[in-house]
Amino acid sequence: MIQLDVSIMGQSYKLACKEGEEGALQEAVAYLDGKMCAIRDAGKLKGNDRIAVMAALGVTAELLATKSPDGPLSDMTMSEVKQKIAAMHETLDAALAPQENLF
């Protein structure tokens, strides 16, 4: 095992991976960083944890859409998946907004 120093949304992380898999890990980090930065830069979400959840939902939807033609997202276009994720985002905002006032 080796360790790589990576950065996601400006935050440094030390990640372990098998020797020879560094490129794949760096590619995954760059992809996730891009997704999270895009969500952050859209200005609709505050808090890295919420940004991470929305990015994870988006990446998962992409994976499921490509992984199984008969899967749960097979009858949806990527645009429809994004709309569903946006609706989830609005629901999270509504549910978490009162909590943000506590801090």
PDB file of N, CA and C in Angstrom:
ATOM      1  N   MET A   1       0.839  -1.181   0.000  1.00  0.00           N
ATOM      2  CA  MET A   1       0.000   0.000   0.000  1.00  0.00           C
ATOM      3  C   MET A   1       0.881   1.240   0.000  1.00  0.00           C
ATOM      4  N   ILE A   2       0.409   2.231  -0.716  1.00  0.00           N
ATOM      5  CA  ILE A   2       1.104   3.515  -0.708  1.00  0.00           C
ATOM      6  C   ILE A   2       0.102   4.596  -0.327  1.00  0.00           C
ATOM      7  N   GLN A   3       0.616   5.750   0.052  1.00  0.00           N
ATOM      8  CA  GLN A   3      -0.252   6.866   0.401  1.00  0.00           C
ATOM      9  C   GLN A   3      -0.080   7.988  -0.598  1.00  0.00           C
ATOM     10  N   LEU A   4      -1.206   8.590  -0.955  1.00  0.00           N
ATOM     11  CA  LEU A   4      -1.194   9.744  -1.840  1.00  0.00           C
ATOM     12  C   LEU A   4      -1.762  10.937  -1.096  1.00  0.00           C
ATOM     13  N   ASP A   5      -1.169  12.092  -1.309  1.00  0.00           N
ATOM     14  CA  ASP A   5      -1.724  13.334  -0.801  1.00  0.00           C
ATOM     15  C   ASP A   5      -2.585  13.919  -1.910  1.00  0.00           C
ATOM     16  N   VAL A   6      -3.860  14.147  -1.611  1.00  0.00           N
ATOM     17  CA  VAL A   6      -4.789  14.691  -2.598  1.00  0.00           C
ATOM     18  C   VAL A   6      -5.527  15.873  -1.967  1.00  0.00           C
ATOM     19  N   SER A   7      -6.215  16.615  -2.830  1.00  0.00           N
ATOM     20  CA  SER A   7      -6.996  17.752  -2.368  1.00  0.00           C
ATOM     21  C   SER A   7      -8.377  17.687  -2.999  1.00  0.00           C
ATOM     22  N   ILE A   8      -9.399  17.823  -2.160  1.00  0.00           N
ATOM     23  CA  ILE A   8     -10.783  17.869  -2.630  1.00  0.00           C
ATOM     24  C   ILE A   8     -11.395  19.136  -2.048  1.00  0.00           C
ATOM     25  N   MET A   9     -11.817  20.025  -2.918  1.00  0.00           N
ATOM     26  CA  MET A   9     -12.360  21.333  -2.522  1.00  0.00           C
ATOM     27  C   MET A   9     -11.417  22.068  -1.582  1.00  0.00           C
ATOM     28  N   GLY A  10     -10.127  21.989  -1.863  1.00  0.00           N
ATOM     29  CA  GLY A  10      -9.135  22.696  -1.071  1.00  0.00           C
ATOM     30  C   GLY A  10      -8.751  22.031   0.228  1.00  0.00           C
ATOM     31  N   GLN A  11      -9.380  20.926   0.553  1.00  0.00           N
ATOM     32  CA  GLN A  11      -9.075  20.191   1.780  1.00  0.00           C
ATOM     33  C   GLN A  11      -8.107  19.058   1.453  1.00  0.00           C
ATOM     34  N   SER A  12      -7.037  18.955   2.199  1.00  0.00           N
ATOM     35  CA  SER A  12      -6.030  17.917   1.957  1.00  0.00           C
ATOM     36  C   SER A  12      -6.428  16.610   2.626  1.00  0.00           C
ATOM     37  N   TYR A  13      -6.146  15.513   1.921  1.00  0.00           N
ATOM     38  CA  TYR A  13      -6.408  14.170   2.445  1.00  0.00           C
ATOM     39  C   TYR A  13      -5.231  13.283   2.109  1.00  0.00           C
ATOM     40  N   LYS A  14      -4.934  12.340   2.994  1.00  0.00           N
ATOM     41  CA  LYS A  14      -3.967  11.271   2.717  1.00  0.00           C
ATOM     42  C   LYS A  14      -4.798  10.021   2.460  1.00  0.00           C
ATOM     43  N   LEU A  15      -4.659   9.460   1.265  1.00  0.00           N
ATOM     44  CA  LEU A  15      -5.424   8.282   0.896  1.00  0.00           C
ATOM     45  C   LEU A  15      -4.488   7.129   0.598  1.00  0.00           C
ATOM     46  N   ALA A  16      -4.858   5.955   1.015  1.00  0.00           N
ATOM     47  CA  ALA A  16      -4.067   4.757   0.748  1.00  0.00           C
ATOM     48  C   ALA A  16      -4.631   4.052  -0.472  1.00  0.00           C
ATOM     49  N   CYS A  17      -3.746   3.493  -1.270  1.00  0.00           N
ATOM     50  CA  CYS A  17      -4.175   2.688  -2.404  1.00  0.00           C
ATOM     51  C   CYS A  17      -3.081   1.668  -2.723  1.00  0.00           C
ATOM     52  N   LYS A  18      -3.474   0.686  -3.505  1.00  0.00           N
ATOM     53  CA  LYS A  18      -2.512  -0.331  -3.914  1.00  0.00           C
ATOM     54  C   LYS A  18      -1.553   0.257  -4.936  1.00  0.00           C
ATOM     55  N   GLU A  19      -0.339  -0.228  -4.895  1.00  0.00           N
ATOM     56  CA  GLU A  19       0.651   0.211  -5.861  1.00  0.00           C
ATOM     57  C   GLU A  19       0.163  -0.112  -7.272  1.00  0.00           C
ATOM     58  N   GLY A  20       0.285   0.854  -8.145  1.00  0.00           N
ATOM     59  CA  GLY A  20      -0.182   0.686  -9.522  1.00  0.00           C
ATOM     60  C   GLY A  20      -1.583   1.236  -9.750  1.00  0.00           C
ATOM     61  N   GLU A  21      -2.293   1.585  -8.671  1.00  0.00           N
ATOM     62  CA  GLU A  21      -3.644   2.117  -8.791  1.00  0.00           C
ATOM     63  C   GLU A  21      -3.709   3.619  -8.529  1.00  0.00           C
ATOM     64  N   GLU A  22      -2.530   4.239  -8.473  1.00  0.00           N
ATOM     65  CA  GLU A  22      -2.475   5.671  -8.173  1.00  0.00           C
ATOM     66  C   GLU A  22      -3.221   6.501  -9.213  1.00  0.00           C
ATOM     67  N   GLY A  23      -3.034   6.171 -10.465  1.00  0.00           N
ATOM     68  CA  GLY A  23      -3.677   6.933 -11.541  1.00  0.00           C
ATOM     69  C   GLY A  23      -5.192   6.893 -11.451  1.00  0.00           C
ATOM     70  N   ALA A  24      -5.730   5.716 -11.166  1.00  0.00           N
ATOM     71  CA  ALA A  24      -7.186   5.575 -11.052  1.00  0.00           C
ATOM     72  C   ALA A  24      -7.709   6.366  -9.861  1.00  0.00           C
ATOM     73  N   LEU A  25      -6.973   6.324  -8.755  1.00  0.00           N
ATOM     74  CA  LEU A  25      -7.396   7.076  -7.577  1.00  0.00           C
ATOM     75  C   LEU A  25      -7.335   8.579  -7.843  1.00  0.00           C
ATOM     76  N   GLN A  26      -6.267   9.034  -8.490  1.00  0.00           N
ATOM     77  CA  GLN A  26      -6.150  10.462  -8.795  1.00  0.00           C
ATOM     78  C   GLN A  26      -7.245  10.908  -9.767  1.00  0.00           C
ATOM     79  N   GLU A  27      -7.599  10.048 -10.698  1.00  0.00           N
ATOM     80  CA  GLU A  27      -8.691  10.359 -11.624  1.00  0.00           C
ATOM     81  C   GLU A  27     -10.018  10.465 -10.874  1.00  0.00           C
ATOM     82  N   ALA A  28     -10.254   9.553  -9.948  1.00  0.00           N
ATOM     83  CA  ALA A  28     -11.477   9.583  -9.140  1.00  0.00           C
ATOM     84  C   ALA A  28     -11.528  10.842  -8.279  1.00  0.00           C
ATOM     85  N   VAL A  29     -10.401  11.204  -7.687  1.00  0.00           N
ATOM     86  CA  VAL A  29     -10.334  12.415  -6.859  1.00  0.00           C
ATOM     87  C   VAL A  29     -10.626  13.645  -7.712  1.00  0.00           C
ATOM     88  N   ALA A  30     -10.028  13.719  -8.885  1.00  0.00           N
ATOM     89  CA  ALA A  30     -10.256  14.869  -9.768  1.00  0.00           C
ATOM     90  C   ALA A  30     -11.721  14.963 -10.187  1.00  0.00           C
ATOM     91  N   TYR A  31     -12.337  13.819 -10.473  1.00  0.00           N
ATOM     92  CA  TYR A  31     -13.750  13.797 -10.875  1.00  0.00           C
ATOM     93  C   TYR A  31     -14.639  14.272  -9.725  1.00  0.00           C
ATOM     94  N   LEU A  32     -14.404  13.724  -8.530  1.00  0.00           N
ATOM     95  CA  LEU A  32     -15.194  14.117  -7.366  1.00  0.00           C
ATOM     96  C   LEU A  32     -14.978  15.588  -7.026  1.00  0.00           C
ATOM     97  N   ASP A  33     -13.737  16.034  -7.077  1.00  0.00           N
ATOM     98  CA  ASP A  33     -13.430  17.440  -6.802  1.00  0.00           C
ATOM     99  C   ASP A  33     -14.186  18.340  -7.782  1.00  0.00           C
ATOM    100  N   GLY A  34     -14.209  17.964  -9.050  1.00  0.00           N
ATOM    101  CA  GLY A  34     -14.933  18.747 -10.045  1.00  0.00           C
ATOM    102  C   GLY A  34     -16.422  18.820  -9.747  1.00  0.00           C
ATOM    103  N   LYS A  35     -17.013  17.683  -9.392  1.00  0.00           N
ATOM    104  CA  LYS A  35     -18.444  17.640  -9.064  1.00  0.00           C
ATOM    105  C   LYS A  35     -18.745  18.500  -7.843  1.00  0.00           C
ATOM    106  N   MET A  36     -17.941  18.342  -6.799  1.00  0.00           N
ATOM    107  CA  MET A  36     -18.195  19.082  -5.560  1.00  0.00           C
ATOM    108  C   MET A  36     -17.975  20.580  -5.753  1.00  0.00           C
ATOM    109  N   CYS A  37     -16.936  20.957  -6.487  1.00  0.00           N
ATOM    110  CA  CYS A  37     -16.680  22.381  -6.735  1.00  0.00           C
ATOM    111  C   CYS A  37     -17.805  23.002  -7.565  1.00  0.00           C
ATOM    112  N   ALA A  38     -18.323  22.248  -8.521  1.00  0.00           N
ATOM    113  CA  ALA A  38     -19.431  22.761  -9.340  1.00  0.00           C
ATOM    114  C   ALA A  38     -20.665  23.013  -8.483  1.00  0.00           C
ATOM    115  N   ILE A  39     -20.953  22.098  -7.567  1.00  0.00           N
ATOM    116  CA  ILE A  39     -22.099  22.268  -6.667  1.00  0.00           C
ATOM    117  C   ILE A  39     -21.864  23.467  -5.754  1.00  0.00           C
ATOM    118  N   ARG A  40     -20.674  23.560  -5.197  1.00  0.00           N
ATOM    119  CA  ARG A  40     -20.333  24.686  -4.316  1.00  0.00           C
ATOM    120  C   ARG A  40     -20.422  26.008  -5.072  1.00  0.00           C
ATOM    121  N   ASP A  41     -19.874  26.039  -6.280  1.00  0.00           N
ATOM    122  CA  ASP A  41     -19.836  27.271  -7.058  1.00  0.00           C
ATOM    123  C   ASP A  41     -21.211  27.708  -7.543  1.00  0.00           C
ATOM    124  N   ALA A  42     -22.139  26.761  -7.618  1.00  0.00           N
ATOM    125  CA  ALA A  42     -23.511  27.124  -7.988  1.00  0.00           C
ATOM    126  C   ALA A  42     -24.152  27.946  -6.868  1.00  0.00           C
ATOM    127  N   GLY A  43     -23.583  27.874  -5.672  1.00  0.00           N
ATOM    128  CA  GLY A  43     -24.017  28.704  -4.562  1.00  0.00           C
ATOM    129  C   GLY A  43     -25.318  28.309  -3.908  1.00  0.00           C
ATOM    130  N   LYS A  44     -25.832  27.146  -4.235  1.00  0.00           N
ATOM    131  CA  LYS A  44     -27.117  26.736  -3.685  1.00  0.00           C
ATOM    132  C   LYS A  44     -26.986  25.963  -2.385  1.00  0.00           C
ATOM    133  N   LEU A  45     -25.804  25.425  -2.118  1.00  0.00           N
ATOM    134  CA  LEU A  45     -25.603  24.621  -0.910  1.00  0.00           C
ATOM    135  C   LEU A  45     -24.483  25.205  -0.074  1.00  0.00           C
ATOM    136  N   LYS A  46     -24.672  25.121   1.224  1.00  0.00           N
ATOM    137  CA  LYS A  46     -23.622  25.504   2.157  1.00  0.00           C
ATOM    138  C   LYS A  46     -23.283  24.272   2.983  1.00  0.00           C
ATOM    139  N   GLY A  47     -22.049  24.143   3.302  1.00  0.00           N
ATOM    140  CA  GLY A  47     -21.609  23.017   4.127  1.00  0.00           C
ATOM    141  C   GLY A  47     -21.056  21.900   3.273  1.00  0.00           C
ATOM    142  N   ASN A  48     -19.827  21.546   3.551  1.00  0.00           N
ATOM    143  CA  ASN A  48     -19.158  20.502   2.776  1.00  0.00           C
ATOM    144  C   ASN A  48     -19.870  19.166   2.852  1.00  0.00           C
ATOM    145  N   ASP A  49     -20.507  18.871   3.993  1.00  0.00           N
ATOM    146  CA  ASP A  49     -21.196  17.593   4.110  1.00  0.00           C
ATOM    147  C   ASP A  49     -22.377  17.529   3.151  1.00  0.00           C
ATOM    148  N   ARG A  50     -23.117  18.597   3.018  1.00  0.00           N
ATOM    149  CA  ARG A  50     -24.262  18.616   2.105  1.00  0.00           C
ATOM    150  C   ARG A  50     -23.790  18.575   0.646  1.00  0.00           C
ATOM    151  N   ILE A  51     -22.711  19.286   0.362  1.00  0.00           N
ATOM    152  CA  ILE A  51     -22.143  19.257  -0.984  1.00  0.00           C
ATOM    153  C   ILE A  51     -21.694  17.840  -1.318  1.00  0.00           C
ATOM    154  N   ALA A  52     -21.058  17.168  -0.356  1.00  0.00           N
ATOM    155  CA  ALA A  52     -20.587  15.797  -0.571  1.00  0.00           C
ATOM    156  C   ALA A  52     -21.751  14.848  -0.828  1.00  0.00           C
ATOM    157  N   VAL A  53     -22.842  15.008  -0.083  1.00  0.00           N
ATOM    158  CA  VAL A  53     -24.004  14.137  -0.283  1.00  0.00           C
ATOM    159  C   VAL A  53     -24.587  14.342  -1.675  1.00  0.00           C
ATOM    160  N   MET A  54     -24.728  15.579  -2.099  1.00  0.00           N
ATOM    161  CA  MET A  54     -25.298  15.844  -3.422  1.00  0.00           C
ATOM    162  C   MET A  54     -24.373  15.329  -4.525  1.00  0.00           C
ATOM    163  N   ALA A  55     -23.073  15.493  -4.341  1.00  0.00           N
ATOM    164  CA  ALA A  55     -22.124  14.973  -5.327  1.00  0.00           C
ATOM    165  C   ALA A  55     -22.202  13.448  -5.372  1.00  0.00           C
ATOM    166  N   ALA A  56     -22.309  12.821  -4.203  1.00  0.00           N
ATOM    167  CA  ALA A  56     -22.408  11.358  -4.140  1.00  0.00           C
ATOM    168  C   ALA A  56     -23.675  10.876  -4.836  1.00  0.00           C
ATOM    169  N   LEU A  57     -24.779  11.580  -4.640  1.00  0.00           N
ATOM    170  CA  LEU A  57     -26.024  11.200  -5.326  1.00  0.00           C
ATOM    171  C   LEU A  57     -25.874  11.317  -6.838  1.00  0.00           C
ATOM    172  N   GLY A  58     -25.251  12.382  -7.281  1.00  0.00           N
ATOM    173  CA  GLY A  58     -25.048  12.571  -8.718  1.00  0.00           C
ATOM    174  C   GLY A  58     -24.166  11.500  -9.324  1.00  0.00           C
ATOM    175  N   VAL A  59     -23.058  11.204  -8.662  1.00  0.00           N
ATOM    176  CA  VAL A  59     -22.135  10.184  -9.164  1.00  0.00           C
ATOM    177  C   VAL A  59     -22.800   8.808  -9.133  1.00  0.00           C
ATOM    178  N   THR A  60     -23.553   8.530  -8.079  1.00  0.00           N
ATOM    179  CA  THR A  60     -24.257   7.251  -7.977  1.00  0.00           C
ATOM    180  C   THR A  60     -25.288   7.109  -9.091  1.00  0.00           C
ATOM    181  N   ALA A  61     -26.012   8.181  -9.360  1.00  0.00           N
ATOM    182  CA  ALA A  61     -26.996   8.148 -10.445  1.00  0.00           C
ATOM    183  C   ALA A  61     -26.321   7.875 -11.782  1.00  0.00           C
ATOM    184  N   GLU A  62     -25.177   8.514 -12.008  1.00  0.00           N
ATOM    185  CA  GLU A  62     -24.428   8.271 -13.245  1.00  0.00           C
ATOM    186  C   GLU A  62     -24.001   6.810 -13.336  1.00  0.00           C
ATOM    187  N   LEU A  63     -23.498   6.281 -12.244  1.00  0.00           N
ATOM    188  CA  LEU A  63     -23.045   4.894 -12.210  1.00  0.00           C
ATOM    189  C   LEU A  63     -24.198   3.937 -12.491  1.00  0.00           C
ATOM    190  N   LEU A  64     -25.306   4.136 -11.798  1.00  0.00           N
ATOM    191  CA  LEU A  64     -26.450   3.239 -11.981  1.00  0.00           C
ATOM    192  C   LEU A  64     -27.015   3.324 -13.387  1.00  0.00           C
ATOM    193  N   ALA A  65     -26.996   4.510 -13.977  1.00  0.00           N
ATOM    194  CA  ALA A  65     -27.519   4.683 -15.324  1.00  0.00           C
ATOM    195  C   ALA A  65     -26.664   3.950 -16.358  1.00  0.00           C
ATOM    196  N   THR A  66     -25.367   3.875 -16.108  1.00  0.00           N
ATOM    197  CA  THR A  66     -24.491   3.208 -17.073  1.00  0.00           C
ATOM    198  C   THR A  66     -24.272   1.736 -16.762  1.00  0.00           C
ATOM    199  N   LYS A  67     -24.443   1.361 -15.501  1.00  0.00           N
ATOM    200  CA  LYS A  67     -24.129   0.006 -15.067  1.00  0.00           C
ATOM    201  C   LYS A  67     -25.163  -1.023 -15.508  1.00  0.00           C
ATOM    202  N   SER A  68     -26.428  -0.677 -15.411  1.00  0.00           N
ATOM    203  CA  SER A  68     -27.466  -1.661 -15.671  1.00  0.00           C
ATOM    204  C   SER A  68     -28.578  -1.071 -16.531  1.00  0.00           C
ATOM    205  N   PRO A  69     -28.714  -1.560 -17.753  1.00  0.00           N
ATOM    206  CA  PRO A  69     -29.788  -1.047 -18.599  1.00  0.00           C
ATOM    207  C   PRO A  69     -31.176  -1.354 -18.036  1.00  0.00           C
ATOM    208  N   ASP A  70     -31.271  -2.305 -17.126  1.00  0.00           N
ATOM    209  CA  ASP A  70     -32.554  -2.638 -16.508  1.00  0.00           C
ATOM    210  C   ASP A  70     -32.626  -2.159 -15.057  1.00  0.00           C
ATOM    211  N   GLY A  71     -31.687  -1.295 -14.661  1.00  0.00           N
ATOM    212  CA  GLY A  71     -31.628  -0.831 -13.283  1.00  0.00           C
ATOM    213  C   GLY A  71     -32.688   0.200 -12.953  1.00  0.00           C
ATOM    214  N   PRO A  72     -32.623   0.724 -11.732  1.00  0.00           N
ATOM    215  CA  PRO A  72     -33.657   1.635 -11.253  1.00  0.00           C
ATOM    216  C   PRO A  72     -33.730   2.951 -12.022  1.00  0.00           C
ATOM    217  N   LEU A  73     -32.682   3.309 -12.728  1.00  0.00           N
ATOM    218  CA  LEU A  73     -32.690   4.561 -13.480  1.00  0.00           C
ATOM    219  C   LEU A  73     -32.721   4.341 -14.988  1.00  0.00           C
ATOM    220  N   SER A  74     -32.962   3.110 -15.411  1.00  0.00           N
ATOM    221  CA  SER A  74     -32.863   2.784 -16.830  1.00  0.00           C
ATOM    222  C   SER A  74     -33.893   3.487 -17.687  1.00  0.00           C
ATOM    223  N   ASP A  75     -35.045   3.807 -17.127  1.00  0.00           N
ATOM    224  CA  ASP A  75     -36.088   4.432 -17.924  1.00  0.00           C
ATOM    225  C   ASP A  75     -36.042   5.957 -17.834  1.00  0.00           C
ATOM    226  N   MET A  76     -34.985   6.496 -17.250  1.00  0.00           N
ATOM    227  CA  MET A  76     -34.861   7.939 -17.096  1.00  0.00           C
ATOM    228  C   MET A  76     -33.687   8.468 -17.903  1.00  0.00           C
ATOM    229  N   THR A  77     -33.845   9.663 -18.449  1.00  0.00           N
ATOM    230  CA  THR A  77     -32.722  10.325 -19.100  1.00  0.00           C
ATOM    231  C   THR A  77     -31.855  10.954 -18.018  1.00  0.00           C
ATOM    232  N   MET A  78     -30.637  11.325 -18.366  1.00  0.00           N
ATOM    233  CA  MET A  78     -29.751  11.964 -17.394  1.00  0.00           C
ATOM    234  C   MET A  78     -30.370  13.284 -16.930  1.00  0.00           C
ATOM    235  N   SER A  79     -31.079  13.968 -17.807  1.00  0.00           N
ATOM    236  CA  SER A  79     -31.752  15.207 -17.438  1.00  0.00           C
ATOM    237  C   SER A  79     -32.804  14.953 -16.364  1.00  0.00           C
ATOM    238  N   GLU A  80     -33.553  13.883 -16.507  1.00  0.00           N
ATOM    239  CA  GLU A  80     -34.564  13.538 -15.499  1.00  0.00           C
ATOM    240  C   GLU A  80     -33.912  13.162 -14.174  1.00  0.00           C
ATOM    241  N   VAL A  81     -32.801  12.462 -14.243  1.00  0.00           N
ATOM    242  CA  VAL A  81     -32.071  12.106 -13.022  1.00  0.00           C
ATOM    243  C   VAL A  81     -31.604  13.385 -12.325  1.00  0.00           C
ATOM    244  N   LYS A  82     -31.078  14.334 -13.096  1.00  0.00           N
ATOM    245  CA  LYS A  82     -30.616  15.593 -12.519  1.00  0.00           C
ATOM    246  C   LYS A  82     -31.778  16.363 -11.893  1.00  0.00           C
ATOM    247  N   GLN A  83     -32.943  16.307 -12.523  1.00  0.00           N
ATOM    248  CA  GLN A  83     -34.122  16.969 -11.954  1.00  0.00           C
ATOM    249  C   GLN A  83     -34.509  16.328 -10.622  1.00  0.00           C
ATOM    250  N   LYS A  84     -34.448  15.008 -10.560  1.00  0.00           N
ATOM    251  CA  LYS A  84     -34.767  14.321  -9.299  1.00  0.00           C
ATOM    252  C   LYS A  84     -33.759  14.701  -8.217  1.00  0.00           C
ATOM    253  N   ILE A  85     -32.498  14.786  -8.586  1.00  0.00           N
ATOM    254  CA  ILE A  85     -31.470  15.172  -7.622  1.00  0.00           C
ATOM    255  C   ILE A  85     -31.705  16.608  -7.163  1.00  0.00           C
ATOM    256  N   ALA A  86     -32.090  17.495  -8.080  1.00  0.00           N
ATOM    257  CA  ALA A  86     -32.395  18.879  -7.705  1.00  0.00           C
ATOM    258  C   ALA A  86     -33.569  18.921  -6.728  1.00  0.00           C
ATOM    259  N   ALA A  87     -34.563  18.072  -6.952  1.00  0.00           N
ATOM    260  CA  ALA A  87     -35.702  18.008  -6.035  1.00  0.00           C
ATOM    261  C   ALA A  87     -35.253  17.526  -4.660  1.00  0.00           C
ATOM    262  N   MET A  88     -34.337  16.552  -4.617  1.00  0.00           N
ATOM    263  CA  MET A  88     -33.797  16.079  -3.343  1.00  0.00           C
ATOM    264  C   MET A  88     -33.046  17.211  -2.645  1.00  0.00           C
ATOM    265  N   HIS A  89     -32.320  17.971  -3.421  1.00  0.00           N
ATOM    266  CA  HIS A  89     -31.564  19.107  -2.900  1.00  0.00           C
ATOM    267  C   HIS A  89     -32.515  20.109  -2.239  1.00  0.00           C
ATOM    268  N   GLU A  90     -33.621  20.418  -2.892  1.00  0.00           N
ATOM    269  CA  GLU A  90     -34.603  21.342  -2.324  1.00  0.00           C
ATOM    270  C   GLU A  90     -35.199  20.786  -1.029  1.00  0.00           C
ATOM    271  N   THR A  91     -35.450  19.496  -1.014  1.00  0.00           N
ATOM    272  CA  THR A  91     -35.986  18.869   0.196  1.00  0.00           C
ATOM    273  C   THR A  91     -34.974  18.954   1.335  1.00  0.00           C
ATOM    274  N   LEU A  92     -33.700  18.697   1.026  1.00  0.00           N
ATOM    275  CA  LEU A  92     -32.649  18.830   2.045  1.00  0.00           C
ATOM    276  C   LEU A  92     -32.560  20.254   2.561  1.00  0.00           C
ATOM    277  N   ASP A  93     -32.617  21.229   1.648  1.00  0.00           N
ATOM    278  CA  ASP A  93     -32.565  22.632   2.067  1.00  0.00           C
ATOM    279  C   ASP A  93     -33.699  22.966   3.021  1.00  0.00           C
ATOM    280  N   ALA A  94     -34.894  22.534   2.667  1.00  0.00           N
ATOM    281  CA  ALA A  94     -36.060  22.838   3.497  1.00  0.00           C
ATOM    282  C   ALA A  94     -35.948  22.177   4.871  1.00  0.00           C
ATOM    283  N   ALA A  95     -35.439  20.955   4.890  1.00  0.00           N
ATOM    284  CA  ALA A  95     -35.335  20.226   6.156  1.00  0.00           C
ATOM    285  C   ALA A  95     -34.203  20.743   7.030  1.00  0.00           C
ATOM    286  N   LEU A  96     -33.110  21.177   6.414  1.00  0.00           N
ATOM    287  CA  LEU A  96     -31.934  21.569   7.189  1.00  0.00           C
ATOM    288  C   LEU A  96     -31.857  23.056   7.477  1.00  0.00           C
ATOM    289  N   ALA A  97     -32.630  23.875   6.782  1.00  0.00           N
ATOM    290  CA  ALA A  97     -32.572  25.327   6.989  1.00  0.00           C
ATOM    291  C   ALA A  97     -32.841  25.717   8.437  1.00  0.00           C
ATOM    292  N   PRO A  98     -33.854  25.148   9.095  1.00  0.00           N
ATOM    293  CA  PRO A  98     -34.077  25.517  10.506  1.00  0.00           C
ATOM    294  C   PRO A  98     -32.881  25.170  11.396  1.00  0.00           C
ATOM    295  N   GLN A  99     -32.168  24.111  11.087  1.00  0.00           N
ATOM    296  CA  GLN A  99     -31.009  23.712  11.889  1.00  0.00           C
ATOM    297  C   GLN A  99     -29.859  24.697  11.730  1.00  0.00           C
ATOM    298  N   GLU A 100     -29.706  25.283  10.525  1.00  0.00           N
ATOM    299  CA  GLU A 100     -28.623  26.222  10.289  1.00  0.00           C
ATOM    300  C   GLU A 100     -28.768  27.456  11.162  1.00  0.00           C
ATOM    301  N   ASN A 101     -29.980  27.818  11.490  1.00  0.00           N
ATOM    302  CA  ASN A 101     -30.218  28.972  12.348  1.00  0.00           C
ATOM    303  C   ASN A 101     -29.718  28.749  13.769  1.00  0.00           C
ATOM    304  N   LEU A 102     -29.567  27.490  14.157  1.00  0.00           N
ATOM    305  CA  LEU A 102     -29.084  27.176  15.497  1.00  0.00           C
ATOM    306  C   LEU A 102     -27.615  27.493  15.659  1.00  0.00           C
ATOM    307  N   PHE A 103     -26.900  27.539  14.559  1.00  0.00           N
ATOM    308  CA  PHE A 103     -25.454  27.770  14.611  1.00  0.00           C
ATOM    309  C   PHE A 103     -25.201  29.196  14.246  1.00  0.00           C
TER     310      PHE A 103
END
